[in-house]
Amino acid sequence: GHRRKNWKVRKFVLRDDPAYLHYYDPAGGEEPLGAIHLRGSVVTAVEDMPDSKKYDADNILFEIITANDTHYYLQAASSAERTEWIRAIQAVARTGK
């Protein structure tokens, strides 16, 4: 959120039963602000995003496309973290309940 004004910083929790990626306000709060249903979703690295500045796309963006064709763009803290998130979400999308 500090680089793209319409993006927000969120805390994410990945669960496999059921297969959801819940997101929370990082300032606190027990209730999730929302959730992304991952069963049957596709996760890919994003190398270039329209309307993004160079510093937004330094190999840290990825996209989740849900089974009902909703697109979510997320930005990791580093390239290594992006790879970890992609692998973990792909595993849950395949095997989660």
N, C-alpha and C. Protein backbone atom coordinates (compact mmCIF):
# COMPACT_ATOMS: atom_id res chain seq x y z
N GLY A 1 0.79 -1.20 0.00
CA GLY A 1 0.00 0.00 0.00
C GLY A 1 0.83 1.26 0.00
N HIS A 2 2.08 1.19 0.43
CA HIS A 2 2.89 2.39 0.49
C HIS A 2 3.42 2.78 -0.88
N ARG A 3 3.40 1.87 -1.85
CA ARG A 3 3.87 2.19 -3.20
C ARG A 3 2.72 2.51 -4.15
N ARG A 4 1.67 1.74 -4.07
CA ARG A 4 0.49 1.98 -4.91
C ARG A 4 -0.62 2.44 -3.98
N LYS A 5 -1.09 3.63 -4.20
CA LYS A 5 -2.03 4.24 -3.26
C LYS A 5 -3.36 3.50 -3.17
N ASN A 6 -3.74 2.76 -4.20
CA ASN A 6 -5.01 2.02 -4.13
C ASN A 6 -4.81 0.59 -3.60
N TRP A 7 -3.58 0.23 -3.21
CA TRP A 7 -3.31 -1.07 -2.61
C TRP A 7 -3.26 -0.91 -1.11
N LYS A 8 -3.59 -1.97 -0.40
CA LYS A 8 -3.58 -1.94 1.05
C LYS A 8 -2.70 -3.06 1.60
N VAL A 9 -2.04 -2.80 2.69
CA VAL A 9 -1.25 -3.82 3.37
C VAL A 9 -2.20 -4.71 4.16
N ARG A 10 -2.05 -6.01 4.00
CA ARG A 10 -2.90 -6.97 4.70
C ARG A 10 -2.05 -8.10 5.24
N LYS A 11 -2.53 -8.70 6.32
CA LYS A 11 -1.94 -9.92 6.88
C LYS A 11 -2.73 -11.08 6.30
N PHE A 12 -2.03 -12.11 5.78
CA PHE A 12 -2.70 -13.25 5.17
C PHE A 12 -2.46 -14.52 5.97
N VAL A 13 -3.50 -15.35 6.07
CA VAL A 13 -3.39 -16.65 6.72
C VAL A 13 -3.93 -17.69 5.74
N LEU A 14 -3.08 -18.66 5.40
CA LEU A 14 -3.43 -19.71 4.46
C LEU A 14 -3.93 -20.92 5.22
N ARG A 15 -5.10 -21.42 4.82
CA ARG A 15 -5.68 -22.60 5.46
C ARG A 15 -6.02 -23.64 4.40
N ASP A 16 -5.89 -24.92 4.76
CA ASP A 16 -6.20 -25.97 3.78
C ASP A 16 -7.51 -26.70 4.07
N ASP A 17 -8.11 -26.48 5.23
CA ASP A 17 -9.37 -27.13 5.54
C ASP A 17 -10.29 -26.17 6.27
N PRO A 18 -11.06 -25.41 5.55
CA PRO A 18 -11.24 -25.37 4.10
C PRO A 18 -10.14 -24.57 3.41
N ALA A 19 -10.05 -24.72 2.10
CA ALA A 19 -8.99 -24.12 1.30
C ALA A 19 -9.26 -22.63 1.06
N TYR A 20 -8.79 -21.80 1.99
CA TYR A 20 -9.02 -20.36 1.91
C TYR A 20 -7.75 -19.60 2.26
N LEU A 21 -7.63 -18.43 1.69
CA LEU A 21 -6.61 -17.47 2.08
C LEU A 21 -7.37 -16.31 2.71
N HIS A 22 -7.35 -16.24 4.05
CA HIS A 22 -8.04 -15.18 4.77
C HIS A 22 -7.12 -13.98 4.91
N TYR A 23 -7.70 -12.79 4.85
CA TYR A 23 -6.88 -11.60 5.04
C TYR A 23 -7.45 -10.71 6.12
N TYR A 24 -6.52 -10.08 6.85
CA TYR A 24 -6.83 -9.30 8.05
C TYR A 24 -6.18 -7.93 7.97
N ASP A 25 -6.69 -7.02 8.76
CA ASP A 25 -6.04 -5.72 8.95
C ASP A 25 -4.79 -5.97 9.77
N PRO A 26 -3.62 -5.52 9.30
CA PRO A 26 -2.39 -5.80 10.05
C PRO A 26 -2.32 -5.09 11.41
N ALA A 27 -3.16 -4.08 11.62
CA ALA A 27 -3.17 -3.36 12.89
C ALA A 27 -3.86 -4.16 13.99
N GLY A 28 -4.49 -5.24 13.61
CA GLY A 28 -5.14 -6.09 14.61
C GLY A 28 -6.55 -6.43 14.20
N GLY A 29 -7.23 -7.12 15.07
CA GLY A 29 -8.59 -7.55 14.77
C GLY A 29 -8.64 -9.05 14.58
N GLU A 30 -9.59 -9.66 15.23
CA GLU A 30 -9.72 -11.11 15.18
C GLU A 30 -10.48 -11.60 13.95
N GLU A 31 -11.38 -10.77 13.47
CA GLU A 31 -12.22 -11.17 12.34
C GLU A 31 -11.54 -10.84 11.01
N PRO A 32 -11.55 -11.79 10.05
CA PRO A 32 -10.95 -11.49 8.74
C PRO A 32 -11.76 -10.44 8.00
N LEU A 33 -11.06 -9.64 7.21
CA LEU A 33 -11.73 -8.66 6.35
C LEU A 33 -12.35 -9.34 5.14
N GLY A 34 -11.81 -10.49 4.79
CA GLY A 34 -12.32 -11.23 3.65
C GLY A 34 -11.55 -12.52 3.46
N ALA A 35 -11.92 -13.26 2.41
CA ALA A 35 -11.27 -14.53 2.15
C ALA A 35 -11.29 -14.82 0.66
N ILE A 36 -10.29 -15.54 0.21
CA ILE A 36 -10.20 -15.98 -1.18
C ILE A 36 -10.33 -17.50 -1.17
N HIS A 37 -11.36 -18.02 -1.84
CA HIS A 37 -11.55 -19.47 -1.91
C HIS A 37 -10.55 -20.03 -2.91
N LEU A 38 -9.72 -20.96 -2.48
CA LEU A 38 -8.60 -21.41 -3.30
C LEU A 38 -8.85 -22.72 -4.05
N ARG A 39 -9.85 -23.49 -3.67
CA ARG A 39 -10.08 -24.79 -4.32
C ARG A 39 -10.28 -24.55 -5.82
N GLY A 40 -9.44 -25.16 -6.65
CA GLY A 40 -9.55 -25.03 -8.09
C GLY A 40 -8.98 -23.74 -8.65
N SER A 41 -8.30 -22.96 -7.84
CA SER A 41 -7.74 -21.70 -8.34
C SER A 41 -6.39 -21.92 -9.01
N VAL A 42 -5.97 -20.91 -9.77
CA VAL A 42 -4.68 -20.92 -10.47
C VAL A 42 -3.86 -19.77 -9.90
N VAL A 43 -2.59 -20.05 -9.60
CA VAL A 43 -1.70 -19.04 -9.04
C VAL A 43 -0.49 -18.92 -9.96
N THR A 44 -0.17 -17.69 -10.37
CA THR A 44 0.97 -17.47 -11.25
C THR A 44 1.74 -16.23 -10.84
N ALA A 45 3.02 -16.24 -11.17
CA ALA A 45 3.85 -15.06 -10.99
C ALA A 45 3.47 -14.03 -12.05
N VAL A 46 3.52 -12.77 -11.69
CA VAL A 46 3.21 -11.68 -12.62
C VAL A 46 4.52 -10.92 -12.85
N GLU A 47 4.97 -10.92 -14.09
CA GLU A 47 6.22 -10.23 -14.41
C GLU A 47 5.97 -8.79 -14.84
N ASP A 48 4.82 -8.53 -15.41
CA ASP A 48 4.53 -7.18 -15.87
C ASP A 48 3.04 -6.93 -15.70
N MET A 49 2.70 -5.84 -15.05
CA MET A 49 1.30 -5.52 -14.80
C MET A 49 1.00 -4.18 -15.43
N PRO A 50 -0.09 -4.08 -16.17
CA PRO A 50 -0.45 -2.80 -16.78
C PRO A 50 -0.55 -1.70 -15.72
N ASP A 51 -0.13 -0.51 -16.09
CA ASP A 51 -0.21 0.67 -15.21
C ASP A 51 0.65 0.55 -13.96
N SER A 52 1.61 -0.35 -13.96
CA SER A 52 2.48 -0.44 -12.79
C SER A 52 3.79 0.29 -13.09
N LYS A 53 4.36 0.81 -12.06
CA LYS A 53 5.65 1.46 -12.17
C LYS A 53 6.74 0.41 -12.01
N LYS A 54 7.94 0.70 -12.42
CA LYS A 54 9.03 -0.27 -12.37
C LYS A 54 9.20 -0.85 -10.97
N TYR A 55 9.15 0.00 -9.93
CA TYR A 55 9.38 -0.51 -8.58
C TYR A 55 8.25 -1.38 -8.07
N ASP A 56 7.10 -1.36 -8.71
CA ASP A 56 5.99 -2.23 -8.28
C ASP A 56 6.17 -3.66 -8.76
N ALA A 57 6.90 -3.85 -9.85
CA ALA A 57 6.93 -5.15 -10.51
C ALA A 57 8.28 -5.84 -10.42
N ASP A 58 9.07 -5.55 -9.43
CA ASP A 58 10.39 -6.15 -9.31
C ASP A 58 10.31 -7.62 -8.90
N ASN A 59 9.66 -8.42 -9.73
CA ASN A 59 9.54 -9.86 -9.51
C ASN A 59 8.94 -10.23 -8.16
N ILE A 60 7.97 -9.43 -7.71
CA ILE A 60 7.34 -9.75 -6.42
C ILE A 60 5.82 -9.78 -6.50
N LEU A 61 5.25 -9.62 -7.68
CA LEU A 61 3.80 -9.68 -7.83
C LEU A 61 3.36 -11.09 -8.22
N PHE A 62 2.18 -11.49 -7.74
CA PHE A 62 1.59 -12.73 -8.20
C PHE A 62 0.08 -12.58 -8.25
N GLU A 63 -0.55 -13.48 -8.99
CA GLU A 63 -2.00 -13.40 -9.24
C GLU A 63 -2.66 -14.71 -8.86
N ILE A 64 -3.82 -14.58 -8.23
CA ILE A 64 -4.66 -15.73 -7.95
C ILE A 64 -5.93 -15.56 -8.78
N ILE A 65 -6.25 -16.56 -9.59
CA ILE A 65 -7.49 -16.57 -10.36
C ILE A 65 -8.34 -17.70 -9.78
N THR A 66 -9.45 -17.34 -9.19
CA THR A 66 -10.30 -18.34 -8.53
C THR A 66 -11.09 -19.15 -9.55
N ALA A 67 -11.72 -20.20 -9.08
CA ALA A 67 -12.53 -21.07 -9.94
C ALA A 67 -13.67 -20.30 -10.60
N ASN A 68 -14.17 -19.24 -9.95
CA ASN A 68 -15.25 -18.45 -10.56
C ASN A 68 -14.70 -17.22 -11.30
N ASP A 69 -13.41 -17.25 -11.67
CA ASP A 69 -12.75 -16.26 -12.52
C ASP A 69 -12.59 -14.88 -11.88
N THR A 70 -12.43 -14.83 -10.57
CA THR A 70 -12.10 -13.58 -9.89
C THR A 70 -10.58 -13.48 -9.82
N HIS A 71 -10.04 -12.32 -10.18
CA HIS A 71 -8.59 -12.11 -10.21
C HIS A 71 -8.15 -11.29 -9.00
N TYR A 72 -7.16 -11.80 -8.29
CA TYR A 72 -6.56 -11.08 -7.16
C TYR A 72 -5.07 -10.90 -7.45
N TYR A 73 -4.59 -9.68 -7.31
CA TYR A 73 -3.16 -9.39 -7.46
C TYR A 73 -2.58 -9.11 -6.09
N LEU A 74 -1.49 -9.79 -5.76
CA LEU A 74 -0.83 -9.62 -4.48
C LEU A 74 0.64 -9.31 -4.70
N GLN A 75 1.22 -8.61 -3.76
CA GLN A 75 2.62 -8.25 -3.83
C GLN A 75 3.32 -8.82 -2.59
N ALA A 76 4.35 -9.61 -2.81
CA ALA A 76 5.14 -10.17 -1.71
C ALA A 76 6.23 -9.19 -1.33
N ALA A 77 6.91 -9.48 -0.23
CA ALA A 77 7.98 -8.61 0.24
C ALA A 77 9.28 -8.83 -0.55
N SER A 78 9.44 -10.03 -1.13
CA SER A 78 10.65 -10.33 -1.88
C SER A 78 10.33 -11.40 -2.92
N SER A 79 11.27 -11.60 -3.84
CA SER A 79 11.09 -12.62 -4.87
C SER A 79 11.03 -14.01 -4.24
N ALA A 80 11.86 -14.26 -3.25
CA ALA A 80 11.86 -15.56 -2.57
C ALA A 80 10.54 -15.80 -1.84
N GLU A 81 10.01 -14.76 -1.20
CA GLU A 81 8.72 -14.89 -0.50
C GLU A 81 7.60 -15.13 -1.50
N ARG A 82 7.66 -14.48 -2.65
CA ARG A 82 6.64 -14.70 -3.69
C ARG A 82 6.64 -16.17 -4.09
N THR A 83 7.80 -16.75 -4.31
CA THR A 83 7.90 -18.15 -4.69
C THR A 83 7.31 -19.06 -3.62
N GLU A 84 7.58 -18.77 -2.36
CA GLU A 84 7.03 -19.56 -1.26
C GLU A 84 5.51 -19.48 -1.24
N TRP A 85 4.96 -18.27 -1.38
CA TRP A 85 3.50 -18.10 -1.38
C TRP A 85 2.88 -18.86 -2.55
N ILE A 86 3.45 -18.74 -3.74
CA ILE A 86 2.89 -19.42 -4.92
C ILE A 86 2.86 -20.92 -4.69
N ARG A 87 3.97 -21.50 -4.23
CA ARG A 87 4.01 -22.95 -3.99
C ARG A 87 3.00 -23.39 -2.94
N ALA A 88 2.91 -22.65 -1.85
CA ALA A 88 1.98 -23.01 -0.79
C ALA A 88 0.52 -22.90 -1.26
N ILE A 89 0.20 -21.84 -1.97
CA ILE A 89 -1.19 -21.65 -2.44
C ILE A 89 -1.53 -22.71 -3.49
N GLN A 90 -0.58 -23.03 -4.38
CA GLN A 90 -0.85 -24.07 -5.39
C GLN A 90 -1.13 -25.41 -4.72
N ALA A 91 -0.40 -25.74 -3.68
CA ALA A 91 -0.61 -27.00 -2.97
C ALA A 91 -2.00 -27.05 -2.34
N VAL A 92 -2.40 -25.95 -1.71
CA VAL A 92 -3.72 -25.90 -1.07
C VAL A 92 -4.83 -25.93 -2.13
N ALA A 93 -4.62 -25.24 -3.25
CA ALA A 93 -5.63 -25.22 -4.32
C ALA A 93 -5.86 -26.63 -4.88
N ARG A 94 -4.82 -27.44 -4.90
CA ARG A 94 -4.94 -28.81 -5.42
C ARG A 94 -5.51 -29.78 -4.39
N THR A 95 -5.05 -29.68 -3.14
CA THR A 95 -5.37 -30.72 -2.18
C THR A 95 -6.27 -30.28 -1.03
N GLY A 96 -6.47 -28.97 -0.87
CA GLY A 96 -7.30 -28.48 0.23
C GLY A 96 -8.75 -28.88 0.08
N LYS A 97 -9.44 -28.85 1.20
CA LYS A 97 -10.85 -29.26 1.20
C LYS A 97 -11.76 -28.07 1.00
